[in-house]
Amino acid sequence: MTSKKSLLIVLLVLNAVVLLGQLWPEGAPPFARVVNILTLILDIVIIVQLLRVRQ
């Protein structure tokens, strides 16, 4: 498995956790804030990398 594919799988899992926390806030784990921030940062990194590759 390539590193890009691994990173995308990690982002999919993190995004699923974030979405679940939005749909069911009472069930969110205590570390949900950290997961939300980490997901946002990783999403920004991926978007910047995708924009760089296209140029």
PDB file of N, CA and C in Angstrom:
ATOM      1  N   MET A   1       0.853  -1.182   0.000  1.00  0.00           N
ATOM      2  CA  MET A   1       0.000   0.000   0.000  1.00  0.00           C
ATOM      3  C   MET A   1       0.894   1.240   0.000  1.00  0.00           C
ATOM      4  N   THR A   2       0.572   2.188  -0.845  1.00  0.00           N
ATOM      5  CA  THR A   2       1.395   3.384  -0.938  1.00  0.00           C
ATOM      6  C   THR A   2       1.100   4.326   0.221  1.00  0.00           C
ATOM      7  N   SER A   3       2.009   5.253   0.430  1.00  0.00           N
ATOM      8  CA  SER A   3       1.820   6.200   1.529  1.00  0.00           C
ATOM      9  C   SER A   3       0.624   7.126   1.272  1.00  0.00           C
ATOM     10  N   LYS A   4       0.380   7.459  -0.003  1.00  0.00           N
ATOM     11  CA  LYS A   4      -0.771   8.305  -0.318  1.00  0.00           C
ATOM     12  C   LYS A   4      -2.071   7.589   0.012  1.00  0.00           C
ATOM     13  N   LYS A   5      -2.128   6.314  -0.331  1.00  0.00           N
ATOM     14  CA  LYS A   5      -3.333   5.535  -0.063  1.00  0.00           C
ATOM     15  C   LYS A   5      -3.526   5.380   1.448  1.00  0.00           C
ATOM     16  N   SER A   6      -2.456   5.160   2.172  1.00  0.00           N
ATOM     17  CA  SER A   6      -2.530   5.039   3.631  1.00  0.00           C
ATOM     18  C   SER A   6      -3.029   6.329   4.257  1.00  0.00           C
ATOM     19  N   LEU A   7      -2.511   7.445   3.782  1.00  0.00           N
ATOM     20  CA  LEU A   7      -2.933   8.747   4.304  1.00  0.00           C
ATOM     21  C   LEU A   7      -4.408   9.001   4.010  1.00  0.00           C
ATOM     22  N   LEU A   8      -4.862   8.632   2.828  1.00  0.00           N
ATOM     23  CA  LEU A   8      -6.275   8.810   2.494  1.00  0.00           C
ATOM     24  C   LEU A   8      -7.170   7.941   3.375  1.00  0.00           C
ATOM     25  N   ILE A   9      -6.727   6.736   3.687  1.00  0.00           N
ATOM     26  CA  ILE A   9      -7.507   5.873   4.571  1.00  0.00           C
ATOM     27  C   ILE A   9      -7.590   6.474   5.967  1.00  0.00           C
ATOM     28  N   VAL A  10      -6.475   6.994   6.455  1.00  0.00           N
ATOM     29  CA  VAL A  10      -6.473   7.659   7.769  1.00  0.00           C
ATOM     30  C   VAL A  10      -7.431   8.849   7.754  1.00  0.00           C
ATOM     31  N   LEU A  11      -7.385   9.646   6.696  1.00  0.00           N
ATOM     32  CA  LEU A  11      -8.285  10.800   6.602  1.00  0.00           C
ATOM     33  C   LEU A  11      -9.746  10.372   6.533  1.00  0.00           C
ATOM     34  N   LEU A  12     -10.037   9.302   5.828  1.00  0.00           N
ATOM     35  CA  LEU A  12     -11.412   8.803   5.768  1.00  0.00           C
ATOM     36  C   LEU A  12     -11.905   8.387   7.149  1.00  0.00           C
ATOM     37  N   VAL A  13     -11.068   7.703   7.891  1.00  0.00           N
ATOM     38  CA  VAL A  13     -11.458   7.274   9.240  1.00  0.00           C
ATOM     39  C   VAL A  13     -11.655   8.492  10.146  1.00  0.00           C
ATOM     40  N   LEU A  14     -10.729   9.437  10.088  1.00  0.00           N
ATOM     41  CA  LEU A  14     -10.860  10.638  10.915  1.00  0.00           C
ATOM     42  C   LEU A  14     -12.106  11.433  10.542  1.00  0.00           C
ATOM     43  N   ASN A  15     -12.376  11.561   9.260  1.00  0.00           N
ATOM     44  CA  ASN A  15     -13.576  12.273   8.832  1.00  0.00           C
ATOM     45  C   ASN A  15     -14.839  11.550   9.284  1.00  0.00           C
ATOM     46  N   ALA A  16     -14.818  10.232   9.284  1.00  0.00           N
ATOM     47  CA  ALA A  16     -15.971   9.466   9.764  1.00  0.00           C
ATOM     48  C   ALA A  16     -16.198   9.712  11.259  1.00  0.00           C
ATOM     49  N   VAL A  17     -15.125   9.777  12.036  1.00  0.00           N
ATOM     50  CA  VAL A  17     -15.241  10.058  13.468  1.00  0.00           C
ATOM     51  C   VAL A  17     -15.800  11.460  13.685  1.00  0.00           C
ATOM     52  N   VAL A  18     -15.305  12.419  12.914  1.00  0.00           N
ATOM     53  CA  VAL A  18     -15.797  13.796  13.034  1.00  0.00           C
ATOM     54  C   VAL A  18     -17.277  13.861  12.671  1.00  0.00           C
ATOM     55  N   LEU A  19     -17.662  13.207  11.595  1.00  0.00           N
ATOM     56  CA  LEU A  19     -19.071  13.203  11.182  1.00  0.00           C
ATOM     57  C   LEU A  19     -19.944  12.540  12.238  1.00  0.00           C
ATOM     58  N   LEU A  20     -19.497  11.437  12.781  1.00  0.00           N
ATOM     59  CA  LEU A  20     -20.259  10.765  13.826  1.00  0.00           C
ATOM     60  C   LEU A  20     -20.429  11.670  15.045  1.00  0.00           C
ATOM     61  N   GLY A  21     -19.389  12.414  15.383  1.00  0.00           N
ATOM     62  CA  GLY A  21     -19.472  13.363  16.496  1.00  0.00           C
ATOM     63  C   GLY A  21     -20.461  14.483  16.231  1.00  0.00           C
ATOM     64  N   GLN A  22     -20.615  14.879  14.975  1.00  0.00           N
ATOM     65  CA  GLN A  22     -21.579  15.918  14.626  1.00  0.00           C
ATOM     66  C   GLN A  22     -23.006  15.377  14.642  1.00  0.00           C
ATOM     67  N   LEU A  23     -23.172  14.136  14.209  1.00  0.00           N
ATOM     68  CA  LEU A  23     -24.500  13.543  14.163  1.00  0.00           C
ATOM     69  C   LEU A  23     -24.977  13.074  15.534  1.00  0.00           C
ATOM     70  N   TRP A  24     -24.059  12.647  16.376  1.00  0.00           N
ATOM     71  CA  TRP A  24     -24.387  12.115  17.693  1.00  0.00           C
ATOM     72  C   TRP A  24     -23.414  12.688  18.729  1.00  0.00           C
ATOM     73  N   PRO A  25     -23.589  13.964  19.103  1.00  0.00           N
ATOM     74  CA  PRO A  25     -22.632  14.638  20.001  1.00  0.00           C
ATOM     75  C   PRO A  25     -22.481  13.967  21.373  1.00  0.00           C
ATOM     76  N   GLU A  26     -23.558  13.370  21.870  1.00  0.00           N
ATOM     77  CA  GLU A  26     -23.475  12.738  23.187  1.00  0.00           C
ATOM     78  C   GLU A  26     -22.542  11.531  23.172  1.00  0.00           C
ATOM     79  N   GLY A  27     -22.385  10.919  22.012  1.00  0.00           N
ATOM     80  CA  GLY A  27     -21.546   9.739  21.907  1.00  0.00           C
ATOM     81  C   GLY A  27     -20.106  10.040  21.523  1.00  0.00           C
ATOM     82  N   ALA A  28     -19.777  11.304  21.387  1.00  0.00           N
ATOM     83  CA  ALA A  28     -18.417  11.677  20.989  1.00  0.00           C
ATOM     84  C   ALA A  28     -17.427  11.316  22.094  1.00  0.00           C
ATOM     85  N   PRO A  29     -16.279  10.773  21.728  1.00  0.00           N
ATOM     86  CA  PRO A  29     -15.280  10.422  22.736  1.00  0.00           C
ATOM     87  C   PRO A  29     -14.653  11.677  23.344  1.00  0.00           C
ATOM     88  N   PRO A  30     -13.995  11.540  24.486  1.00  0.00           N
ATOM     89  CA  PRO A  30     -13.388  12.709  25.134  1.00  0.00           C
ATOM     90  C   PRO A  30     -12.288  13.360  24.297  1.00  0.00           C
ATOM     91  N   PHE A  31     -11.702  12.624  23.377  1.00  0.00           N
ATOM     92  CA  PHE A  31     -10.623  13.167  22.551  1.00  0.00           C
ATOM     93  C   PHE A  31     -11.147  13.711  21.221  1.00  0.00           C
ATOM     94  N   ALA A  32     -12.439  13.951  21.116  1.00  0.00           N
ATOM     95  CA  ALA A  32     -13.051  14.390  19.855  1.00  0.00           C
ATOM     96  C   ALA A  32     -12.481  15.718  19.364  1.00  0.00           C
ATOM     97  N   ARG A  33     -12.206  16.641  20.273  1.00  0.00           N
ATOM     98  CA  ARG A  33     -11.665  17.942  19.850  1.00  0.00           C
ATOM     99  C   ARG A  33     -10.311  17.771  19.160  1.00  0.00           C
ATOM    100  N   VAL A  34      -9.482  16.912  19.700  1.00  0.00           N
ATOM    101  CA  VAL A  34      -8.163  16.664  19.103  1.00  0.00           C
ATOM    102  C   VAL A  34      -8.325  16.037  17.721  1.00  0.00           C
ATOM    103  N   VAL A  35      -9.258  15.103  17.592  1.00  0.00           N
ATOM    104  CA  VAL A  35      -9.509  14.460  16.298  1.00  0.00           C
ATOM    105  C   VAL A  35     -10.009  15.492  15.289  1.00  0.00           C
ATOM    106  N   ASN A  36     -10.896  16.391  15.705  1.00  0.00           N
ATOM    107  CA  ASN A  36     -11.401  17.433  14.807  1.00  0.00           C
ATOM    108  C   ASN A  36     -10.273  18.325  14.300  1.00  0.00           C
ATOM    109  N   ILE A  37      -9.427  18.770  15.195  1.00  0.00           N
ATOM    110  CA  ILE A  37      -8.322  19.662  14.812  1.00  0.00           C
ATOM    111  C   ILE A  37      -7.324  18.929  13.924  1.00  0.00           C
ATOM    112  N   LEU A  38      -6.994  17.695  14.277  1.00  0.00           N
ATOM    113  CA  LEU A  38      -6.064  16.903  13.465  1.00  0.00           C
ATOM    114  C   LEU A  38      -6.614  16.676  12.063  1.00  0.00           C
ATOM    115  N   THR A  39      -7.895  16.394  11.974  1.00  0.00           N
ATOM    116  CA  THR A  39      -8.521  16.183  10.669  1.00  0.00           C
ATOM    117  C   THR A  39      -8.468  17.440   9.824  1.00  0.00           C
ATOM    118  N   LEU A  40      -8.778  18.581  10.415  1.00  0.00           N
ATOM    119  CA  LEU A  40      -8.717  19.840   9.661  1.00  0.00           C
ATOM    120  C   LEU A  40      -7.302  20.119   9.155  1.00  0.00           C
ATOM    121  N   ILE A  41      -6.312  19.900   9.993  1.00  0.00           N
ATOM    122  CA  ILE A  41      -4.926  20.150   9.588  1.00  0.00           C
ATOM    123  C   ILE A  41      -4.519  19.215   8.459  1.00  0.00           C
ATOM    124  N   LEU A  42      -4.836  17.923   8.601  1.00  0.00           N
ATOM    125  CA  LEU A  42      -4.475  16.962   7.552  1.00  0.00           C
ATOM    126  C   LEU A  42      -5.213  17.239   6.247  1.00  0.00           C
ATOM    127  N   ASP A  43      -6.473  17.658   6.343  1.00  0.00           N
ATOM    128  CA  ASP A  43      -7.221  18.016   5.132  1.00  0.00           C
ATOM    129  C   ASP A  43      -6.558  19.186   4.406  1.00  0.00           C
ATOM    130  N   ILE A  44      -6.122  20.174   5.154  1.00  0.00           N
ATOM    131  CA  ILE A  44      -5.453  21.335   4.550  1.00  0.00           C
ATOM    132  C   ILE A  44      -4.148  20.905   3.884  1.00  0.00           C
ATOM    133  N   VAL A  45      -3.387  20.030   4.549  1.00  0.00           N
ATOM    134  CA  VAL A  45      -2.125  19.545   3.979  1.00  0.00           C
ATOM    135  C   VAL A  45      -2.382  18.812   2.669  1.00  0.00           C
ATOM    136  N   ILE A  46      -3.380  17.953   2.653  1.00  0.00           N
ATOM    137  CA  ILE A  46      -3.698  17.195   1.432  1.00  0.00           C
ATOM    138  C   ILE A  46      -4.131  18.133   0.308  1.00  0.00           C
ATOM    139  N   ILE A  47      -4.973  19.102   0.616  1.00  0.00           N
ATOM    140  CA  ILE A  47      -5.442  20.044  -0.415  1.00  0.00           C
ATOM    141  C   ILE A  47      -4.272  20.837  -0.987  1.00  0.00           C
ATOM    142  N   VAL A  48      -3.377  21.295  -0.133  1.00  0.00           N
ATOM    143  CA  VAL A  48      -2.204  22.040  -0.611  1.00  0.00           C
ATOM    144  C   VAL A  48      -1.337  21.166  -1.497  1.00  0.00           C
ATOM    145  N   GLN A  49      -1.140  19.916  -1.112  1.00  0.00           N
ATOM    146  CA  GLN A  49      -0.340  19.000  -1.928  1.00  0.00           C
ATOM    147  C   GLN A  49      -1.011  18.756  -3.290  1.00  0.00           C
ATOM    148  N   LEU A  50      -2.310  18.579  -3.289  1.00  0.00           N
ATOM    149  CA  LEU A  50      -3.030  18.368  -4.554  1.00  0.00           C
ATOM    150  C   LEU A  50      -2.931  19.597  -5.461  1.00  0.00           C
ATOM    151  N   LEU A  51      -3.002  20.770  -4.866  1.00  0.00           N
ATOM    152  CA  LEU A  51      -2.893  21.998  -5.666  1.00  0.00           C
ATOM    153  C   LEU A  51      -1.481  22.159  -6.231  1.00  0.00           C
ATOM    154  N   ARG A  52      -0.481  21.759  -5.470  1.00  0.00           N
ATOM    155  CA  ARG A  52       0.911  21.844  -5.943  1.00  0.00           C
ATOM    156  C   ARG A  52       1.140  20.915  -7.129  1.00  0.00           C
ATOM    157  N   VAL A  53       0.620  19.716  -7.055  1.00  0.00           N
ATOM    158  CA  VAL A  53       0.816  18.720  -8.101  1.00  0.00           C
ATOM    159  C   VAL A  53       0.175  19.173  -9.398  1.00  0.00           C
ATOM    160  N   ARG A  54      -0.938  19.843  -9.341  1.00  0.00           N
ATOM    161  CA  ARG A  54      -1.664  20.269 -10.549  1.00  0.00           C
ATOM    162  C   ARG A  54      -0.977  21.425 -11.265  1.00  0.00           C
ATOM    163  N   GLN A  55      -0.130  22.160 -10.574  1.00  0.00           N
ATOM    164  CA  GLN A  55       0.494  23.335 -11.204  1.00  0.00           C
ATOM    165  C   GLN A  55       1.695  22.953 -12.021  1.00  0.00           C
TER     166      GLN A  55
END
